[in-house]
Structures are given as structure tokens and as C-alpha cells.
Amino acid sequence: MAYEDLVRTFWRTYRPAEVERMGNTGLEEFVRGRSEEIVEQIGEVADDLVPTLREGTDVVERAGEVKNARFRARSMVLQEMVYGMEKEPGTETKDMPRVSLPPL
């Protein structure tokens, strides 16, 4: 799924005790579920952010509005569901390895 690498990497980097409690199977189930939730949330938030279609808007302009809404939605959702999660003590100064995000 789209955000599995991001979720897995964040949890392994900043929530290692939680990952250890989950075990590999539990972690993978969590990662799949969280990734699905992220995709759904991005869609819902983006739908709310897309401006109302105005008369005379051309296709290229509308595509830009939709892409912009999806970009903003992804930023908001990832902050809420991944990056903004509490980090375990001792992990706050760690650098998370780079993870590629899926295209919008």
C-alpha cells in the first residue's frame, strides 16, 4: 500500500518499544491498517479542500486546484497520523531514514 514504508520507518525509528511489543506480524498488520487509513483520510480531506467549480474554469486550472488540494491534504494527514505522533523517550534526536512518498 502507498504509505506502508513511511509508517514502518517512522515506528521503527521513533517508537521501537511499541514495535517490539507488536512483533513482526503485529507491526505489519498495524502498518497496513494505518496506511489504508492515511489513504482514506487524504481523499476525504482533499475533497473538503477542493474549491467549488467556478464557471469558466478550464481543465488545466481545475487539475491544478485538485492536485493542490491533495498535496495540502496529504501534508495535514501525515502530520496528524505519522509525523505528529509522540516519540518515545531517547528517540527524539534520531534522524528518520528518507522514505519516498507515492505520487499524488
PDB file of N, CA and C in Angstrom:
ATOM      1  N   MET A   1       0.848  -1.187   0.000  1.00  0.00           N
ATOM      2  CA  MET A   1       0.000   0.000   0.000  1.00  0.00           C
ATOM      3  C   MET A   1       0.891   1.247   0.000  1.00  0.00           C
ATOM      4  N   ALA A   2       0.324   2.325  -0.284  1.00  0.00           N
ATOM      5  CA  ALA A   2       1.050   3.554  -0.573  1.00  0.00           C
ATOM      6  C   ALA A   2       1.960   4.063   0.549  1.00  0.00           C
ATOM      7  N   TYR A   3       1.535   4.048   1.776  1.00  0.00           N
ATOM      8  CA  TYR A   3       2.290   4.693   2.848  1.00  0.00           C
ATOM      9  C   TYR A   3       2.901   3.700   3.836  1.00  0.00           C
ATOM     10  N   GLU A   4       2.947   2.429   3.475  1.00  0.00           N
ATOM     11  CA  GLU A   4       3.465   1.417   4.396  1.00  0.00           C
ATOM     12  C   GLU A   4       4.917   1.655   4.775  1.00  0.00           C
ATOM     13  N   ASP A   5       5.769   1.990   3.812  1.00  0.00           N
ATOM     14  CA  ASP A   5       7.185   2.226   4.126  1.00  0.00           C
ATOM     15  C   ASP A   5       7.351   3.390   5.097  1.00  0.00           C
ATOM     16  N   LEU A   6       6.591   4.437   4.896  1.00  0.00           N
ATOM     17  CA  LEU A   6       6.670   5.602   5.778  1.00  0.00           C
ATOM     18  C   LEU A   6       6.262   5.233   7.204  1.00  0.00           C
ATOM     19  N   VAL A   7       5.135   4.572   7.347  1.00  0.00           N
ATOM     20  CA  VAL A   7       4.637   4.206   8.682  1.00  0.00           C
ATOM     21  C   VAL A   7       5.627   3.266   9.371  1.00  0.00           C
ATOM     22  N   ARG A   8       6.073   2.234   8.658  1.00  0.00           N
ATOM     23  CA  ARG A   8       7.010   1.262   9.221  1.00  0.00           C
ATOM     24  C   ARG A   8       8.300   1.959   9.669  1.00  0.00           C
ATOM     25  N   THR A   9       8.843   2.821   8.821  1.00  0.00           N
ATOM     26  CA  THR A   9      10.097   3.504   9.135  1.00  0.00           C
ATOM     27  C   THR A   9       9.940   4.440  10.321  1.00  0.00           C
ATOM     28  N   PHE A  10       8.836   5.194  10.357  1.00  0.00           N
ATOM     29  CA  PHE A  10       8.610   6.103  11.490  1.00  0.00           C
ATOM     30  C   PHE A  10       8.524   5.313  12.791  1.00  0.00           C
ATOM     31  N   TRP A  11       7.723   4.259  12.802  1.00  0.00           N
ATOM     32  CA  TRP A  11       7.535   3.495  14.047  1.00  0.00           C
ATOM     33  C   TRP A  11       8.838   2.828  14.468  1.00  0.00           C
ATOM     34  N   ARG A  12       9.593   2.277  13.541  1.00  0.00           N
ATOM     35  CA  ARG A  12      10.864   1.635  13.906  1.00  0.00           C
ATOM     36  C   ARG A  12      11.869   2.657  14.433  1.00  0.00           C
ATOM     37  N   THR A  13      11.824   3.864  13.907  1.00  0.00           N
ATOM     38  CA  THR A  13      12.771   4.896  14.322  1.00  0.00           C
ATOM     39  C   THR A  13      12.388   5.527  15.653  1.00  0.00           C
ATOM     40  N   TYR A  14      11.129   5.876  15.808  1.00  0.00           N
ATOM     41  CA  TYR A  14      10.714   6.688  16.952  1.00  0.00           C
ATOM     42  C   TYR A  14       9.849   5.968  17.986  1.00  0.00           C
ATOM     43  N   ARG A  15       9.430   4.760  17.692  1.00  0.00           N
ATOM     44  CA  ARG A  15       8.591   4.024  18.639  1.00  0.00           C
ATOM     45  C   ARG A  15       9.053   2.562  18.730  1.00  0.00           C
ATOM     46  N   PRO A  16      10.358   2.347  18.954  1.00  0.00           N
ATOM     47  CA  PRO A  16      10.902   0.986  18.922  1.00  0.00           C
ATOM     48  C   PRO A  16      10.334   0.053  19.996  1.00  0.00           C
ATOM     49  N   ALA A  17      10.032   0.574  21.168  1.00  0.00           N
ATOM     50  CA  ALA A  17       9.468  -0.290  22.213  1.00  0.00           C
ATOM     51  C   ALA A  17       8.084  -0.782  21.805  1.00  0.00           C
ATOM     52  N   GLU A  18       7.308   0.095  21.195  1.00  0.00           N
ATOM     53  CA  GLU A  18       5.985  -0.300  20.714  1.00  0.00           C
ATOM     54  C   GLU A  18       6.107  -1.354  19.613  1.00  0.00           C
ATOM     55  N   VAL A  19       7.069  -1.162  18.729  1.00  0.00           N
ATOM     56  CA  VAL A  19       7.308  -2.132  17.648  1.00  0.00           C
ATOM     57  C   VAL A  19       7.688  -3.481  18.237  1.00  0.00           C
ATOM     58  N   GLU A  20       8.532  -3.466  19.254  1.00  0.00           N
ATOM     59  CA  GLU A  20       8.955  -4.715  19.891  1.00  0.00           C
ATOM     60  C   GLU A  20       7.769  -5.445  20.522  1.00  0.00           C
ATOM     61  N   ARG A  21       6.882  -4.686  21.166  1.00  0.00           N
ATOM     62  CA  ARG A  21       5.685  -5.297  21.772  1.00  0.00           C
ATOM     63  C   ARG A  21       4.774  -5.909  20.711  1.00  0.00           C
ATOM     64  N   MET A  22       4.675  -5.263  19.550  1.00  0.00           N
ATOM     65  CA  MET A  22       3.810  -5.746  18.473  1.00  0.00           C
ATOM     66  C   MET A  22       4.353  -7.028  17.838  1.00  0.00           C
ATOM     67  N   GLY A  23       5.660  -7.142  17.742  1.00  0.00           N
ATOM     68  CA  GLY A  23       6.251  -8.242  16.991  1.00  0.00           C
ATOM     69  C   GLY A  23       6.107  -7.969  15.498  1.00  0.00           C
ATOM     70  N   ASN A  24       6.788  -8.772  14.682  1.00  0.00           N
ATOM     71  CA  ASN A  24       6.769  -8.536  13.231  1.00  0.00           C
ATOM     72  C   ASN A  24       5.380  -8.637  12.626  1.00  0.00           C
ATOM     73  N   THR A  25       4.629  -9.660  13.014  1.00  0.00           N
ATOM     74  CA  THR A  25       3.288  -9.828  12.449  1.00  0.00           C
ATOM     75  C   THR A  25       2.376  -8.684  12.857  1.00  0.00           C
ATOM     76  N   GLY A  26       2.424  -8.320  14.119  1.00  0.00           N
ATOM     77  CA  GLY A  26       1.602  -7.218  14.610  1.00  0.00           C
ATOM     78  C   GLY A  26       1.982  -5.899  13.959  1.00  0.00           C
ATOM     79  N   LEU A  27       3.277  -5.683  13.779  1.00  0.00           N
ATOM     80  CA  LEU A  27       3.731  -4.456  13.135  1.00  0.00           C
ATOM     81  C   LEU A  27       3.205  -4.384  11.711  1.00  0.00           C
ATOM     82  N   GLU A  28       3.312  -5.471  10.965  1.00  0.00           N
ATOM     83  CA  GLU A  28       2.861  -5.455   9.567  1.00  0.00           C
ATOM     84  C   GLU A  28       1.347  -5.247   9.466  1.00  0.00           C
ATOM     85  N   GLU A  29       0.593  -5.829  10.376  1.00  0.00           N
ATOM     86  CA  GLU A  29      -0.860  -5.592  10.395  1.00  0.00           C
ATOM     87  C   GLU A  29      -1.149  -4.126  10.700  1.00  0.00           C
ATOM     88  N   PHE A  30      -0.440  -3.579  11.671  1.00  0.00           N
ATOM     89  CA  PHE A  30      -0.611  -2.171  12.026  1.00  0.00           C
ATOM     90  C   PHE A  30      -0.258  -1.272  10.844  1.00  0.00           C
ATOM     91  N   VAL A  31       0.867  -1.553  10.203  1.00  0.00           N
ATOM     92  CA  VAL A  31       1.347  -0.744   9.079  1.00  0.00           C
ATOM     93  C   VAL A  31       0.328  -0.742   7.941  1.00  0.00           C
ATOM     94  N   ARG A  32      -0.191  -1.914   7.601  1.00  0.00           N
ATOM     95  CA  ARG A  32      -1.205  -1.998   6.530  1.00  0.00           C
ATOM     96  C   ARG A  32      -2.446  -1.198   6.893  1.00  0.00           C
ATOM     97  N   GLY A  33      -2.918  -1.381   8.110  1.00  0.00           N
ATOM     98  CA  GLY A  33      -4.119  -0.667   8.551  1.00  0.00           C
ATOM     99  C   GLY A  33      -3.920   0.836   8.582  1.00  0.00           C
ATOM    100  N   ARG A  34      -2.797   1.294   9.117  1.00  0.00           N
ATOM    101  CA  ARG A  34      -2.535   2.733   9.195  1.00  0.00           C
ATOM    102  C   ARG A  34      -2.391   3.312   7.785  1.00  0.00           C
ATOM    103  N   SER A  35      -1.741   2.588   6.897  1.00  0.00           N
ATOM    104  CA  SER A  35      -1.578   3.059   5.514  1.00  0.00           C
ATOM    105  C   SER A  35      -2.935   3.222   4.830  1.00  0.00           C
ATOM    106  N   GLU A  36      -3.806   2.262   5.019  1.00  0.00           N
ATOM    107  CA  GLU A  36      -5.155   2.357   4.445  1.00  0.00           C
ATOM    108  C   GLU A  36      -5.903   3.559   5.012  1.00  0.00           C
ATOM    109  N   GLU A  37      -5.783   3.780   6.318  1.00  0.00           N
ATOM    110  CA  GLU A  37      -6.440   4.926   6.956  1.00  0.00           C
ATOM    111  C   GLU A  37      -5.902   6.242   6.385  1.00  0.00           C
ATOM    112  N   ILE A  38      -4.599   6.298   6.166  1.00  0.00           N
ATOM    113  CA  ILE A  38      -3.991   7.512   5.611  1.00  0.00           C
ATOM    114  C   ILE A  38      -4.551   7.807   4.229  1.00  0.00           C
ATOM    115  N   VAL A  39      -4.615   6.783   3.383  1.00  0.00           N
ATOM    116  CA  VAL A  39      -5.142   6.973   2.026  1.00  0.00           C
ATOM    117  C   VAL A  39      -6.583   7.478   2.076  1.00  0.00           C
ATOM    118  N   GLU A  40      -7.400   6.863   2.923  1.00  0.00           N
ATOM    119  CA  GLU A  40      -8.801   7.277   3.052  1.00  0.00           C
ATOM    120  C   GLU A  40      -8.904   8.718   3.554  1.00  0.00           C
ATOM    121  N   GLN A  41      -8.123   9.045   4.572  1.00  0.00           N
ATOM    122  CA  GLN A  41      -8.169  10.396   5.141  1.00  0.00           C
ATOM    123  C   GLN A  41      -7.730  11.444   4.125  1.00  0.00           C
ATOM    124  N   ILE A  42      -6.694  11.141   3.365  1.00  0.00           N
ATOM    125  CA  ILE A  42      -6.233  12.095   2.354  1.00  0.00           C
ATOM    126  C   ILE A  42      -7.359  12.372   1.363  1.00  0.00           C
ATOM    127  N   GLY A  43      -8.039  11.330   0.924  1.00  0.00           N
ATOM    128  CA  GLY A  43      -9.156  11.518  -0.004  1.00  0.00           C
ATOM    129  C   GLY A  43     -10.257  12.371   0.585  1.00  0.00           C
ATOM    130  N   GLU A  44     -10.616  12.098   1.831  1.00  0.00           N
ATOM    131  CA  GLU A  44     -11.695  12.847   2.481  1.00  0.00           C
ATOM    132  C   GLU A  44     -11.308  14.313   2.690  1.00  0.00           C
ATOM    133  N   VAL A  45     -10.104  14.542   3.182  1.00  0.00           N
ATOM    134  CA  VAL A  45      -9.667  15.917   3.431  1.00  0.00           C
ATOM    135  C   VAL A  45      -9.526  16.667   2.108  1.00  0.00           C
ATOM    136  N   ALA A  46      -8.970  16.025   1.103  1.00  0.00           N
ATOM    137  CA  ALA A  46      -8.802  16.672  -0.207  1.00  0.00           C
ATOM    138  C   ALA A  46     -10.154  17.070  -0.783  1.00  0.00           C
ATOM    139  N   ASP A  47     -11.151  16.199  -0.641  1.00  0.00           N
ATOM    140  CA  ASP A  47     -12.492  16.529  -1.138  1.00  0.00           C
ATOM    141  C   ASP A  47     -13.011  17.809  -0.487  1.00  0.00           C
ATOM    142  N   ASP A  48     -12.706  17.979   0.799  1.00  0.00           N
ATOM    143  CA  ASP A  48     -13.148  19.182   1.505  1.00  0.00           C
ATOM    144  C   ASP A  48     -12.359  20.422   1.085  1.00  0.00           C
ATOM    145  N   LEU A  49     -11.128  20.225   0.644  1.00  0.00           N
ATOM    146  CA  LEU A  49     -10.266  21.359   0.305  1.00  0.00           C
ATOM    147  C   LEU A  49     -10.400  21.836  -1.145  1.00  0.00           C
ATOM    148  N   VAL A  50     -10.912  20.980  -2.022  1.00  0.00           N
ATOM    149  CA  VAL A  50     -11.045  21.376  -3.427  1.00  0.00           C
ATOM    150  C   VAL A  50     -12.065  22.501  -3.520  1.00  0.00           C
ATOM    151  N   PRO A  51     -11.682  23.612  -4.132  1.00  0.00           N
ATOM    152  CA  PRO A  51     -12.634  24.719  -4.245  1.00  0.00           C
ATOM    153  C   PRO A  51     -13.816  24.353  -5.148  1.00  0.00           C
ATOM    154  N   THR A  52     -14.910  25.029  -4.920  1.00  0.00           N
ATOM    155  CA  THR A  52     -16.104  24.832  -5.740  1.00  0.00           C
ATOM    156  C   THR A  52     -15.768  25.164  -7.191  1.00  0.00           C
ATOM    157  N   LEU A  53     -16.271  24.348  -8.074  1.00  0.00           N
ATOM    158  CA  LEU A  53     -16.036  24.567  -9.504  1.00  0.00           C
ATOM    159  C   LEU A  53     -16.662  25.888  -9.931  1.00  0.00           C
ATOM    160  N   ARG A  54     -15.833  26.733 -10.523  1.00  0.00           N
ATOM    161  CA  ARG A  54     -16.310  28.036 -10.990  1.00  0.00           C
ATOM    162  C   ARG A  54     -16.577  27.966 -12.490  1.00  0.00           C
ATOM    163  N   GLU A  55     -17.558  28.687 -12.918  1.00  0.00           N
ATOM    164  CA  GLU A  55     -17.863  28.751 -14.344  1.00  0.00           C
ATOM    165  C   GLU A  55     -16.653  29.326 -15.082  1.00  0.00           C
ATOM    166  N   GLY A  56     -16.303  28.716 -16.182  1.00  0.00           N
ATOM    167  CA  GLY A  56     -15.199  29.194 -16.991  1.00  0.00           C
ATOM    168  C   GLY A  56     -13.849  28.611 -16.595  1.00  0.00           C
ATOM    169  N   THR A  57     -13.794  27.756 -15.564  1.00  0.00           N
ATOM    170  CA  THR A  57     -12.532  27.135 -15.165  1.00  0.00           C
ATOM    171  C   THR A  57     -12.145  26.108 -16.222  1.00  0.00           C
ATOM    172  N   ASP A  58     -10.934  26.231 -16.746  1.00  0.00           N
ATOM    173  CA  ASP A  58     -10.523  25.250 -17.750  1.00  0.00           C
ATOM    174  C   ASP A  58      -9.973  23.995 -17.077  1.00  0.00           C
ATOM    175  N   VAL A  59      -9.775  22.966 -17.862  1.00  0.00           N
ATOM    176  CA  VAL A  59      -9.377  21.658 -17.345  1.00  0.00           C
ATOM    177  C   VAL A  59      -8.017  21.724 -16.654  1.00  0.00           C
ATOM    178  N   VAL A  60      -7.081  22.423 -17.220  1.00  0.00           N
ATOM    179  CA  VAL A  60      -5.744  22.513 -16.644  1.00  0.00           C
ATOM    180  C   VAL A  60      -5.785  23.235 -15.295  1.00  0.00           C
ATOM    181  N   GLU A  61      -6.531  24.316 -15.233  1.00  0.00           N
ATOM    182  CA  GLU A  61      -6.664  25.052 -13.975  1.00  0.00           C
ATOM    183  C   GLU A  61      -7.319  24.169 -12.914  1.00  0.00           C
ATOM    184  N   ARG A  62      -8.367  23.449 -13.297  1.00  0.00           N
ATOM    185  CA  ARG A  62      -9.070  22.578 -12.345  1.00  0.00           C
ATOM    186  C   ARG A  62      -8.157  21.456 -11.865  1.00  0.00           C
ATOM    187  N   ALA A  63      -7.393  20.887 -12.760  1.00  0.00           N
ATOM    188  CA  ALA A  63      -6.452  19.829 -12.366  1.00  0.00           C
ATOM    189  C   ALA A  63      -5.449  20.357 -11.348  1.00  0.00           C
ATOM    190  N   GLY A  64      -4.998  21.581 -11.543  1.00  0.00           N
ATOM    191  CA  GLY A  64      -4.084  22.202 -10.590  1.00  0.00           C
ATOM    192  C   GLY A  64      -4.731  22.409  -9.228  1.00  0.00           C
ATOM    193  N   GLU A  65      -5.978  22.817  -9.209  1.00  0.00           N
ATOM    194  CA  GLU A  65      -6.698  23.006  -7.944  1.00  0.00           C
ATOM    195  C   GLU A  65      -6.833  21.684  -7.191  1.00  0.00           C
ATOM    196  N   VAL A  66      -7.166  20.637  -7.934  1.00  0.00           N
ATOM    197  CA  VAL A  66      -7.344  19.320  -7.306  1.00  0.00           C
ATOM    198  C   VAL A  66      -6.006  18.802  -6.778  1.00  0.00           C
ATOM    199  N   LYS A  67      -4.943  18.941  -7.571  1.00  0.00           N
ATOM    200  CA  LYS A  67      -3.626  18.476  -7.129  1.00  0.00           C
ATOM    201  C   LYS A  67      -3.161  19.264  -5.906  1.00  0.00           C
ATOM    202  N   ASN A  68      -3.379  20.558  -5.901  1.00  0.00           N
ATOM    203  CA  ASN A  68      -3.019  21.383  -4.765  1.00  0.00           C
ATOM    204  C   ASN A  68      -3.777  20.940  -3.515  1.00  0.00           C
ATOM    205  N   ALA A  69      -5.055  20.654  -3.661  1.00  0.00           N
ATOM    206  CA  ALA A  69      -5.866  20.187  -2.525  1.00  0.00           C
ATOM    207  C   ALA A  69      -5.336  18.855  -2.005  1.00  0.00           C
ATOM    208  N   ARG A  70      -4.969  17.952  -2.905  1.00  0.00           N
ATOM    209  CA  ARG A  70      -4.437  16.648  -2.489  1.00  0.00           C
ATOM    210  C   ARG A  70      -3.094  16.815  -1.783  1.00  0.00           C
ATOM    211  N   PHE A  71      -2.258  17.707  -2.283  1.00  0.00           N
ATOM    212  CA  PHE A  71      -0.963  17.956  -1.657  1.00  0.00           C
ATOM    213  C   PHE A  71      -1.151  18.491  -0.233  1.00  0.00           C
ATOM    214  N   ARG A  72      -2.017  19.478  -0.080  1.00  0.00           N
ATOM    215  CA  ARG A  72      -2.289  20.041   1.243  1.00  0.00           C
ATOM    216  C   ARG A  72      -2.906  18.990   2.167  1.00  0.00           C
ATOM    217  N   ALA A  73      -3.822  18.189   1.631  1.00  0.00           N
ATOM    218  CA  ALA A  73      -4.464  17.142   2.430  1.00  0.00           C
ATOM    219  C   ALA A  73      -3.432  16.132   2.905  1.00  0.00           C
ATOM    220  N   ARG A  74      -2.544  15.718   2.007  1.00  0.00           N
ATOM    221  CA  ARG A  74      -1.521  14.744   2.404  1.00  0.00           C
ATOM    222  C   ARG A  74      -0.644  15.311   3.509  1.00  0.00           C
ATOM    223  N   SER A  75      -0.234  16.567   3.384  1.00  0.00           N
ATOM    224  CA  SER A  75       0.594  17.186   4.425  1.00  0.00           C
ATOM    225  C   SER A  75      -0.111  17.184   5.775  1.00  0.00           C
ATOM    226  N   MET A  76      -1.380  17.551   5.770  1.00  0.00           N
ATOM    227  CA  MET A  76      -2.151  17.603   7.010  1.00  0.00           C
ATOM    228  C   MET A  76      -2.322  16.219   7.625  1.00  0.00           C
ATOM    229  N   VAL A  77      -2.685  15.257   6.800  1.00  0.00           N
ATOM    230  CA  VAL A  77      -2.948  13.898   7.296  1.00  0.00           C
ATOM    231  C   VAL A  77      -1.663  13.242   7.802  1.00  0.00           C
ATOM    232  N   LEU A  78      -0.571  13.377   7.067  1.00  0.00           N
ATOM    233  CA  LEU A  78       0.684  12.770   7.518  1.00  0.00           C
ATOM    234  C   LEU A  78       1.171  13.404   8.815  1.00  0.00           C
ATOM    235  N   GLN A  79       0.956  14.691   8.979  1.00  0.00           N
ATOM    236  CA  GLN A  79       1.328  15.336  10.243  1.00  0.00           C
ATOM    237  C   GLN A  79       0.508  14.760  11.392  1.00  0.00           C
ATOM    238  N   GLU A  80      -0.759  14.572  11.160  1.00  0.00           N
ATOM    239  CA  GLU A  80      -1.651  14.067  12.210  1.00  0.00           C
ATOM    240  C   GLU A  80      -1.423  12.582  12.502  1.00  0.00           C
ATOM    241  N   MET A  81      -1.242  11.783  11.472  1.00  0.00           N
ATOM    242  CA  MET A  81      -1.240  10.329  11.644  1.00  0.00           C
ATOM    243  C   MET A  81       0.148   9.694  11.694  1.00  0.00           C
ATOM    244  N   VAL A  82       1.184  10.466  11.376  1.00  0.00           N
ATOM    245  CA  VAL A  82       2.538   9.906  11.418  1.00  0.00           C
ATOM    246  C   VAL A  82       3.482  10.872  12.134  1.00  0.00           C
ATOM    247  N   TYR A  83       3.884  11.942  11.446  1.00  0.00           N
ATOM    248  CA  TYR A  83       4.929  12.816  11.960  1.00  0.00           C
ATOM    249  C   TYR A  83       4.601  13.447  13.309  1.00  0.00           C
ATOM    250  N   GLY A  84       3.362  13.686  13.584  1.00  0.00           N
ATOM    251  CA  GLY A  84       2.973  14.330  14.830  1.00  0.00           C
ATOM    252  C   GLY A  84       2.801  13.369  15.993  1.00  0.00           C
ATOM    253  N   MET A  85       3.003  12.077  15.759  1.00  0.00           N
ATOM    254  CA  MET A  85       2.856  11.101  16.835  1.00  0.00           C
ATOM    255  C   MET A  85       3.974  11.295  17.861  1.00  0.00           C
ATOM    256  N   GLU A  86       3.650  11.008  19.099  1.00  0.00           N
ATOM    257  CA  GLU A  86       4.634  11.154  20.176  1.00  0.00           C
ATOM    258  C   GLU A  86       5.794  10.188  19.950  1.00  0.00           C
ATOM    259  N   LYS A  87       6.991  10.698  20.158  1.00  0.00           N
ATOM    260  CA  LYS A  87       8.192   9.875  20.032  1.00  0.00           C
ATOM    261  C   LYS A  87       8.566   9.343  21.409  1.00  0.00           C
ATOM    262  N   GLU A  88       9.058   8.106  21.431  1.00  0.00           N
ATOM    263  CA  GLU A  88       9.465   7.514  22.690  1.00  0.00           C
ATOM    264  C   GLU A  88      10.701   8.242  23.225  1.00  0.00           C
ATOM    265  N   PRO A  89      10.818   8.321  24.545  1.00  0.00           N
ATOM    266  CA  PRO A  89      12.000   8.968  25.132  1.00  0.00           C
ATOM    267  C   PRO A  89      13.289   8.349  24.578  1.00  0.00           C
ATOM    268  N   GLY A  90      14.236   9.228  24.270  1.00  0.00           N
ATOM    269  CA  GLY A  90      15.515   8.773  23.752  1.00  0.00           C
ATOM    270  C   GLY A  90      15.577   8.702  22.232  1.00  0.00           C
ATOM    271  N   THR A  91      14.435   8.869  21.574  1.00  0.00           N
ATOM    272  CA  THR A  91      14.431   8.806  20.111  1.00  0.00           C
ATOM    273  C   THR A  91      14.239  10.171  19.473  1.00  0.00           C
ATOM    274  N   GLU A  92      13.996  11.181  20.294  1.00  0.00           N
ATOM    275  CA  GLU A  92      13.637  12.496  19.774  1.00  0.00           C
ATOM    276  C   GLU A  92      14.698  13.105  18.858  1.00  0.00           C
ATOM    277  N   THR A  93      15.960  12.781  19.075  1.00  0.00           N
ATOM    278  CA  THR A  93      17.022  13.385  18.276  1.00  0.00           C
ATOM    279  C   THR A  93      17.459  12.515  17.097  1.00  0.00           C
ATOM    280  N   LYS A  94      16.857  11.358  16.955  1.00  0.00           N
ATOM    281  CA  LYS A  94      17.203  10.484  15.828  1.00  0.00           C
ATOM    282  C   LYS A  94      16.720  11.090  14.521  1.00  0.00           C
ATOM    283  N   ASP A  95      17.457  10.809  13.470  1.00  0.00           N
ATOM    284  CA  ASP A  95      17.036  11.191  12.130  1.00  0.00           C
ATOM    285  C   ASP A  95      16.374   9.985  11.475  1.00  0.00           C
ATOM    286  N   MET A  96      15.203  10.205  10.929  1.00  0.00           N
ATOM    287  CA  MET A  96      14.494   9.126  10.252  1.00  0.00           C
ATOM    288  C   MET A  96      15.075   8.952   8.850  1.00  0.00           C
ATOM    289  N   PRO A  97      15.344   7.709   8.448  1.00  0.00           N
ATOM    290  CA  PRO A  97      15.823   7.498   7.074  1.00  0.00           C
ATOM    291  C   PRO A  97      14.822   8.050   6.064  1.00  0.00           C
ATOM    292  N   ARG A  98      15.334   8.485   4.937  1.00  0.00           N
ATOM    293  CA  ARG A  98      14.495   9.060   3.880  1.00  0.00           C
ATOM    294  C   ARG A  98      13.586   7.969   3.312  1.00  0.00           C
ATOM    295  N   VAL A  99      12.319   8.331   3.128  1.00  0.00           N
ATOM    296  CA  VAL A  99      11.318   7.421   2.555  1.00  0.00           C
ATOM    297  C   VAL A  99      10.616   8.161   1.424  1.00  0.00           C
ATOM    298  N   SER A 100      10.505   7.514   0.284  1.00  0.00           N
ATOM    299  CA  SER A 100       9.801   8.129  -0.851  1.00  0.00           C
ATOM    300  C   SER A 100       8.301   8.042  -0.632  1.00  0.00           C
ATOM    301  N   LEU A 101       7.620   9.139  -0.895  1.00  0.00           N
ATOM    302  CA  LEU A 101       6.159   9.144  -0.816  1.00  0.00           C
ATOM    303  C   LEU A 101       5.598   8.827  -2.206  1.00  0.00           C
ATOM    304  N   PRO A 102       4.422   8.212  -2.227  1.00  0.00           N
ATOM    305  CA  PRO A 102       3.815   7.914  -3.524  1.00  0.00           C
ATOM    306  C   PRO A 102       3.366   9.200  -4.230  1.00  0.00           C
ATOM    307  N   PRO A 103       3.288   9.158  -5.530  1.00  0.00           N
ATOM    308  CA  PRO A 103       2.805  10.355  -6.247  1.00  0.00           C
ATOM    309  C   PRO A 103       1.369  10.647  -5.881  1.00  0.00           C
ATOM    310  N   LEU A 104       1.011  11.926  -6.003  1.00  0.00           N
ATOM    311  CA  LEU A 104      -0.361  12.316  -5.745  1.00  0.00           C
ATOM    312  C   LEU A 104      -1.137  11.954  -6.952  1.00  0.00           C
TER     313      LEU A 104
END
